[in-house]
PDB file of N, CA and C in Angstrom:
ATOM      1  N   MET A   1       0.848  -1.163   0.000  1.00  0.00           N
ATOM      2  CA  MET A   1       0.000   0.000   0.000  1.00  0.00           C
ATOM      3  C   MET A   1       0.899   1.233   0.000  1.00  0.00           C
ATOM      4  N   GLU A   2       0.420   2.274  -0.631  1.00  0.00           N
ATOM      5  CA  GLU A   2       1.233   3.472  -0.783  1.00  0.00           C
ATOM      6  C   GLU A   2       0.524   4.719  -0.283  1.00  0.00           C
ATOM      7  N   ILE A   3       1.312   5.604   0.315  1.00  0.00           N
ATOM      8  CA  ILE A   3       0.857   6.943   0.669  1.00  0.00           C
ATOM      9  C   ILE A   3       1.947   7.898   0.199  1.00  0.00           C
ATOM     10  N   THR A   4       1.548   8.997  -0.404  1.00  0.00           N
ATOM     11  CA  THR A   4       2.505  10.014  -0.793  1.00  0.00           C
ATOM     12  C   THR A   4       2.598  11.015   0.345  1.00  0.00           C
ATOM     13  N   ILE A   5       3.817  11.180   0.881  1.00  0.00           N
ATOM     14  CA  ILE A   5       4.051  12.101   1.984  1.00  0.00           C
ATOM     15  C   ILE A   5       5.028  13.164   1.496  1.00  0.00           C
ATOM     16  N   ASN A   6       4.570  14.406   1.479  1.00  0.00           N
ATOM     17  CA  ASN A   6       5.393  15.519   0.995  1.00  0.00           C
ATOM     18  C   ASN A   6       6.020  15.198  -0.367  1.00  0.00           C
ATOM     19  N   HIS A   7       5.194  14.726  -1.262  1.00  0.00           N
ATOM     20  CA  HIS A   7       5.560  14.462  -2.659  1.00  0.00           C
ATOM     21  C   HIS A   7       6.503  13.277  -2.838  1.00  0.00           C
ATOM     22  N   THR A   8       6.658  12.449  -1.808  1.00  0.00           N
ATOM     23  CA  THR A   8       7.476  11.243  -1.897  1.00  0.00           C
ATOM     24  C   THR A   8       6.596  10.049  -1.558  1.00  0.00           C
ATOM     25  N   THR A   9       6.563   9.080  -2.455  1.00  0.00           N
ATOM     26  CA  THR A   9       5.725   7.906  -2.243  1.00  0.00           C
ATOM     27  C   THR A   9       6.416   6.942  -1.287  1.00  0.00           C
ATOM     28  N   LYS A  10       5.679   6.535  -0.258  1.00  0.00           N
ATOM     29  CA  LYS A  10       6.175   5.556   0.707  1.00  0.00           C
ATOM     30  C   LYS A  10       5.279   4.328   0.634  1.00  0.00           C
ATOM     31  N   THR A  11       5.917   3.173   0.690  1.00  0.00           N
ATOM     32  CA  THR A  11       5.193   1.909   0.647  1.00  0.00           C
ATOM     33  C   THR A  11       5.121   1.334   2.057  1.00  0.00           C
ATOM     34  N   PHE A  12       3.934   0.880   2.429  1.00  0.00           N
ATOM     35  CA  PHE A  12       3.694   0.262   3.737  1.00  0.00           C
ATOM     36  C   PHE A  12       3.118  -1.128   3.506  1.00  0.00           C
ATOM     37  N   GLU A  13       3.596  -2.103   4.271  1.00  0.00           N
ATOM     38  CA  GLU A  13       2.958  -3.422   4.219  1.00  0.00           C
ATOM     39  C   GLU A  13       1.541  -3.311   4.752  1.00  0.00           C
ATOM     40  N   VAL A  14       1.417  -2.588   5.861  1.00  0.00           N
ATOM     41  CA  VAL A  14       0.110  -2.307   6.461  1.00  0.00           C
ATOM     42  C   VAL A  14       0.051  -0.809   6.714  1.00  0.00           C
ATOM     43  N   LEU A  15      -0.976  -0.175   6.187  1.00  0.00           N
ATOM     44  CA  LEU A  15      -1.112   1.261   6.400  1.00  0.00           C
ATOM     45  C   LEU A  15      -1.337   1.563   7.870  1.00  0.00           C
ATOM     46  N   PRO A  16      -0.813   2.698   8.358  1.00  0.00           N
ATOM     47  CA  PRO A  16      -1.164   3.117   9.719  1.00  0.00           C
ATOM     48  C   PRO A  16      -2.684   3.251   9.825  1.00  0.00           C
ATOM     49  N   ASP A  17      -3.211   2.966  11.010  1.00  0.00           N
ATOM     50  CA  ASP A  17      -4.665   2.968  11.201  1.00  0.00           C
ATOM     51  C   ASP A  17      -5.309   4.310  10.887  1.00  0.00           C
ATOM     52  N   ASN A  18      -4.604   5.383  11.215  1.00  0.00           N
ATOM     53  CA  ASN A  18      -5.180   6.715  11.030  1.00  0.00           C
ATOM     54  C   ASN A  18      -4.048   7.733  10.914  1.00  0.00           C
ATOM     55  N   LEU A  19      -4.408   8.979  10.739  1.00  0.00           N
ATOM     56  CA  LEU A  19      -3.414  10.033  10.580  1.00  0.00           C
ATOM     57  C   LEU A  19      -2.552  10.182  11.830  1.00  0.00           C
ATOM     58  N   GLU A  20      -3.143  10.024  12.998  1.00  0.00           N
ATOM     59  CA  GLU A  20      -2.386  10.131  14.243  1.00  0.00           C
ATOM     60  C   GLU A  20      -1.272   9.077  14.296  1.00  0.00           C
ATOM     61  N   ALA A  21      -1.567   7.856  13.884  1.00  0.00           N
ATOM     62  CA  ALA A  21      -0.564   6.787  13.868  1.00  0.00           C
ATOM     63  C   ALA A  21       0.531   7.085  12.850  1.00  0.00           C
ATOM     64  N   LEU A  22       0.167   7.631  11.707  1.00  0.00           N
ATOM     65  CA  LEU A  22       1.164   7.999  10.707  1.00  0.00           C
ATOM     66  C   LEU A  22       2.091   9.082  11.239  1.00  0.00           C
ATOM     67  N   MET A  23       1.533  10.078  11.898  1.00  0.00           N
ATOM     68  CA  MET A  23       2.346  11.167  12.433  1.00  0.00           C
ATOM     69  C   MET A  23       3.282  10.661  13.531  1.00  0.00           C
ATOM     70  N   ALA A  24       2.850   9.679  14.311  1.00  0.00           N
ATOM     71  CA  ALA A  24       3.709   9.102  15.348  1.00  0.00           C
ATOM     72  C   ALA A  24       4.920   8.409  14.732  1.00  0.00           C
ATOM     73  N   VAL A  25       4.760   7.884  13.526  1.00  0.00           N
ATOM     74  CA  VAL A  25       5.863   7.232  12.821  1.00  0.00           C
ATOM     75  C   VAL A  25       6.738   8.267  12.118  1.00  0.00           C
ATOM     76  N   GLU A  26       6.117   9.212  11.449  1.00  0.00           N
ATOM     77  CA  GLU A  26       6.855  10.182  10.635  1.00  0.00           C
ATOM     78  C   GLU A  26       7.559  11.255  11.458  1.00  0.00           C
ATOM     79  N   ILE A  27       6.897  11.791  12.466  1.00  0.00           N
ATOM     80  CA  ILE A  27       7.468  12.865  13.291  1.00  0.00           C
ATOM     81  C   ILE A  27       7.144  12.569  14.757  1.00  0.00           C
ATOM     82  N   PRO A  28       7.788  11.561  15.338  1.00  0.00           N
ATOM     83  CA  PRO A  28       7.428  11.152  16.703  1.00  0.00           C
ATOM     84  C   PRO A  28       7.733  12.198  17.771  1.00  0.00           C
ATOM     85  N   GLU A  29       8.738  13.025  17.562  1.00  0.00           N
ATOM     86  CA  GLU A  29       9.140  13.987  18.588  1.00  0.00           C
ATOM     87  C   GLU A  29       8.415  15.322  18.474  1.00  0.00           C
ATOM     88  N   LYS A  30       7.695  15.539  17.404  1.00  0.00           N
ATOM     89  CA  LYS A  30       7.098  16.850  17.140  1.00  0.00           C
ATOM     90  C   LYS A  30       5.599  16.819  17.430  1.00  0.00           C
ATOM     91  N   LYS A  31       5.132  17.700  18.290  1.00  0.00           N
ATOM     92  CA  LYS A  31       3.701  17.749  18.608  1.00  0.00           C
ATOM     93  C   LYS A  31       3.105  19.126  18.338  1.00  0.00           C
ATOM     94  N   LYS A  32       3.939  20.176  18.311  1.00  0.00           N
ATOM     95  CA  LYS A  32       3.431  21.524  18.099  1.00  0.00           C
ATOM     96  C   LYS A  32       3.994  22.087  16.803  1.00  0.00           C
ATOM     97  N   GLY A  33       3.299  23.056  16.252  1.00  0.00           N
ATOM     98  CA  GLY A  33       3.784  23.726  15.058  1.00  0.00           C
ATOM     99  C   GLY A  33       3.697  22.883  13.806  1.00  0.00           C
ATOM    100  N   ILE A  34       2.705  21.998  13.743  1.00  0.00           N
ATOM    101  CA  ILE A  34       2.543  21.126  12.583  1.00  0.00           C
ATOM    102  C   ILE A  34       1.185  21.395  11.937  1.00  0.00           C
ATOM    103  N   ALA A  35       1.189  21.482  10.622  1.00  0.00           N
ATOM    104  CA  ALA A  35      -0.054  21.534   9.850  1.00  0.00           C
ATOM    105  C   ALA A  35      -0.039  20.338   8.910  1.00  0.00           C
ATOM    106  N   VAL A  36      -1.175  19.670   8.803  1.00  0.00           N
ATOM    107  CA  VAL A  36      -1.256  18.474   7.963  1.00  0.00           C
ATOM    108  C   VAL A  36      -2.475  18.567   7.057  1.00  0.00           C
ATOM    109  N   ALA A  37      -2.262  18.195   5.799  1.00  0.00           N
ATOM    110  CA  ALA A  37      -3.370  18.116   4.850  1.00  0.00           C
ATOM    111  C   ALA A  37      -3.379  16.707   4.253  1.00  0.00           C
ATOM    112  N   VAL A  38      -4.564  16.154   4.106  1.00  0.00           N
ATOM    113  CA  VAL A  38      -4.737  14.864   3.444  1.00  0.00           C
ATOM    114  C   VAL A  38      -5.576  15.117   2.209  1.00  0.00           C
ATOM    115  N   ASN A  39      -5.012  14.778   1.059  1.00  0.00           N
ATOM    116  CA  ASN A  39      -5.688  15.006  -0.218  1.00  0.00           C
ATOM    117  C   ASN A  39      -6.154  16.457  -0.346  1.00  0.00           C
ATOM    118  N   ASN A  40      -5.246  17.374  -0.017  1.00  0.00           N
ATOM    119  CA  ASN A  40      -5.460  18.829  -0.125  1.00  0.00           C
ATOM    120  C   ASN A  40      -6.518  19.372   0.829  1.00  0.00           C
ATOM    121  N   ARG A  41      -6.844  18.636   1.877  1.00  0.00           N
ATOM    122  CA  ARG A  41      -7.789  19.104   2.895  1.00  0.00           C
ATOM    123  C   ARG A  41      -7.070  19.173   4.235  1.00  0.00           C
ATOM    124  N   ILE A  42      -7.020  20.361   4.831  1.00  0.00           N
ATOM    125  CA  ILE A  42      -6.338  20.524   6.111  1.00  0.00           C
ATOM    126  C   ILE A  42      -7.096  19.757   7.190  1.00  0.00           C
ATOM    127  N   ILE A  43      -6.338  19.014   7.995  1.00  0.00           N
ATOM    128  CA  ILE A  43      -6.923  18.218   9.070  1.00  0.00           C
ATOM    129  C   ILE A  43      -6.431  18.787  10.398  1.00  0.00           C
ATOM    130  N   PRO A  44      -7.324  19.308  11.234  1.00  0.00           N
ATOM    131  CA  PRO A  44      -6.880  19.808  12.540  1.00  0.00           C
ATOM    132  C   PRO A  44      -6.384  18.650  13.411  1.00  0.00           C
ATOM    133  N   MET A  45      -5.446  18.945  14.294  1.00  0.00           N
ATOM    134  CA  MET A  45      -4.864  17.908  15.148  1.00  0.00           C
ATOM    135  C   MET A  45      -5.944  17.162  15.931  1.00  0.00           C
ATOM    136  N   SER A  46      -6.992  17.845  16.292  1.00  0.00           N
ATOM    137  CA  SER A  46      -8.075  17.210  17.051  1.00  0.00           C
ATOM    138  C   SER A  46      -8.795  16.119  16.244  1.00  0.00           C
ATOM    139  N   ALA A  47      -8.601  16.107  14.925  1.00  0.00           N
ATOM    140  CA  ALA A  47      -9.268  15.117  14.072  1.00  0.00           C
ATOM    141  C   ALA A  47      -8.312  14.054  13.532  1.00  0.00           C
ATOM    142  N   TRP A  48      -7.043  14.092  13.927  1.00  0.00           N
ATOM    143  CA  TRP A  48      -6.085  13.114  13.409  1.00  0.00           C
ATOM    144  C   TRP A  48      -6.489  11.682  13.735  1.00  0.00           C
ATOM    145  N   ALA A  49      -6.942  11.420  14.930  1.00  0.00           N
ATOM    146  CA  ALA A  49      -7.276  10.045  15.339  1.00  0.00           C
ATOM    147  C   ALA A  49      -8.452   9.482  14.551  1.00  0.00           C
ATOM    148  N   GLU A  50      -9.345  10.339  14.113  1.00  0.00           N
ATOM    149  CA  GLU A  50     -10.517   9.855  13.374  1.00  0.00           C
ATOM    150  C   GLU A  50     -10.356   9.951  11.856  1.00  0.00           C
ATOM    151  N   THR A  51      -9.184  10.408  11.393  1.00  0.00           N
ATOM    152  CA  THR A  51      -8.926  10.514   9.956  1.00  0.00           C
ATOM    153  C   THR A  51      -8.271   9.222   9.481  1.00  0.00           C
ATOM    154  N   ILE A  52      -9.052   8.402   8.810  1.00  0.00           N
ATOM    155  CA  ILE A  52      -8.597   7.104   8.318  1.00  0.00           C
ATOM    156  C   ILE A  52      -7.870   7.304   6.996  1.00  0.00           C
ATOM    157  N   LEU A  53      -6.717   6.674   6.859  1.00  0.00           N
ATOM    158  CA  LEU A  53      -5.936   6.776   5.632  1.00  0.00           C
ATOM    159  C   LEU A  53      -6.263   5.621   4.697  1.00  0.00           C
ATOM    160  N   LYS A  54      -6.194   5.919   3.399  1.00  0.00           N
ATOM    161  CA  LYS A  54      -6.462   4.906   2.383  1.00  0.00           C
ATOM    162  C   LYS A  54      -5.279   4.816   1.435  1.00  0.00           C
ATOM    163  N   ASP A  55      -5.164   3.699   0.753  1.00  0.00           N
ATOM    164  CA  ASP A  55      -4.131   3.518  -0.253  1.00  0.00           C
ATOM    165  C   ASP A  55      -4.194   4.664  -1.261  1.00  0.00           C
ATOM    166  N   LYS A  56      -3.047   5.199  -1.615  1.00  0.00           N
ATOM    167  CA  LYS A  56      -2.881   6.276  -2.602  1.00  0.00           C
ATOM    168  C   LYS A  56      -3.233   7.662  -2.070  1.00  0.00           C
ATOM    169  N   ASP A  57      -3.490   7.808  -0.768  1.00  0.00           N
ATOM    170  CA  ASP A  57      -3.722   9.137  -0.208  1.00  0.00           C
ATOM    171  C   ASP A  57      -2.457   9.974  -0.332  1.00  0.00           C
ATOM    172  N   SER A  58      -2.640  11.279  -0.359  1.00  0.00           N
ATOM    173  CA  SER A  58      -1.530  12.228  -0.387  1.00  0.00           C
ATOM    174  C   SER A  58      -1.559  13.033   0.907  1.00  0.00           C
ATOM    175  N   VAL A  59      -0.444  13.020   1.630  1.00  0.00           N
ATOM    176  CA  VAL A  59      -0.338  13.714   2.901  1.00  0.00           C
ATOM    177  C   VAL A  59       0.746  14.779   2.784  1.00  0.00           C
ATOM    178  N   LEU A  60       0.402  16.007   3.158  1.00  0.00           N
ATOM    179  CA  LEU A  60       1.373  17.086   3.174  1.00  0.00           C
ATOM    180  C   LEU A  60       1.563  17.499   4.629  1.00  0.00           C
ATOM    181  N   ILE A  61       2.816  17.450   5.103  1.00  0.00           N
ATOM    182  CA  ILE A  61       3.157  17.807   6.475  1.00  0.00           C
ATOM    183  C   ILE A  61       4.022  19.054   6.432  1.00  0.00           C
ATOM    184  N   ILE A  62       3.571  20.100   7.116  1.00  0.00           N
ATOM    185  CA  ILE A  62       4.323  21.339   7.183  1.00  0.00           C
ATOM    186  C   ILE A  62       4.659  21.601   8.635  1.00  0.00           C
ATOM    187  N   THR A  63       5.937  21.852   8.918  1.00  0.00           N
ATOM    188  CA  THR A  63       6.343  22.154  10.287  1.00  0.00           C
ATOM    189  C   THR A  63       6.862  23.574  10.360  1.00  0.00           C
ATOM    190  N   ALA A  64       6.499  24.245  11.435  1.00  0.00           N
ATOM    191  CA  ALA A  64       6.964  25.614  11.668  1.00  0.00           C
ATOM    192  C   ALA A  64       8.419  25.566  12.125  1.00  0.00           C
ATOM    193  N   THR A  65       9.192  26.569  11.720  1.00  0.00           N
ATOM    194  CA  THR A  65      10.574  26.671  12.148  1.00  0.00           C
ATOM    195  C   THR A  65      10.829  28.069  12.685  1.00  0.00           C
ATOM    196  N   GLN A  66      11.782  28.159  13.563  1.00  0.00           N
ATOM    197  CA  GLN A  66      12.142  29.473  14.092  1.00  0.00           C
ATOM    198  C   GLN A  66      13.238  30.061  13.221  1.00  0.00           C
ATOM    199  N   GLY A  67      13.289  31.349  13.236  1.00  0.00           N
ATOM    200  CA  GLY A  67      14.327  32.019  12.461  1.00  0.00           C
ATOM    201  C   GLY A  67      14.018  33.506  12.408  1.00  0.00           C
ATOM    202  N   GLY A  68      14.892  34.185  11.752  1.00  0.00           N
ATOM    203  CA  GLY A  68      14.595  35.605  11.673  1.00  0.00           C
ATOM    204  C   GLY A  68      15.659  36.373  10.978  1.00  0.00           C
TER     205      GLY A  68
END
């Protein structure tokens, strides 16, 4: 099964159960300053656990950075 994450296709034997599980794998240390869209739809963090992923979904993860 495949999910495209930030324009890179990743293959999974078993897809993560939901967006929250995917984020725990992709960015385990990061909890704040993240915006996520699935198939061009922004998903608030409060809805990650109920957002079920499907084969061929596209996930865009944006993280805030400090600088100036």
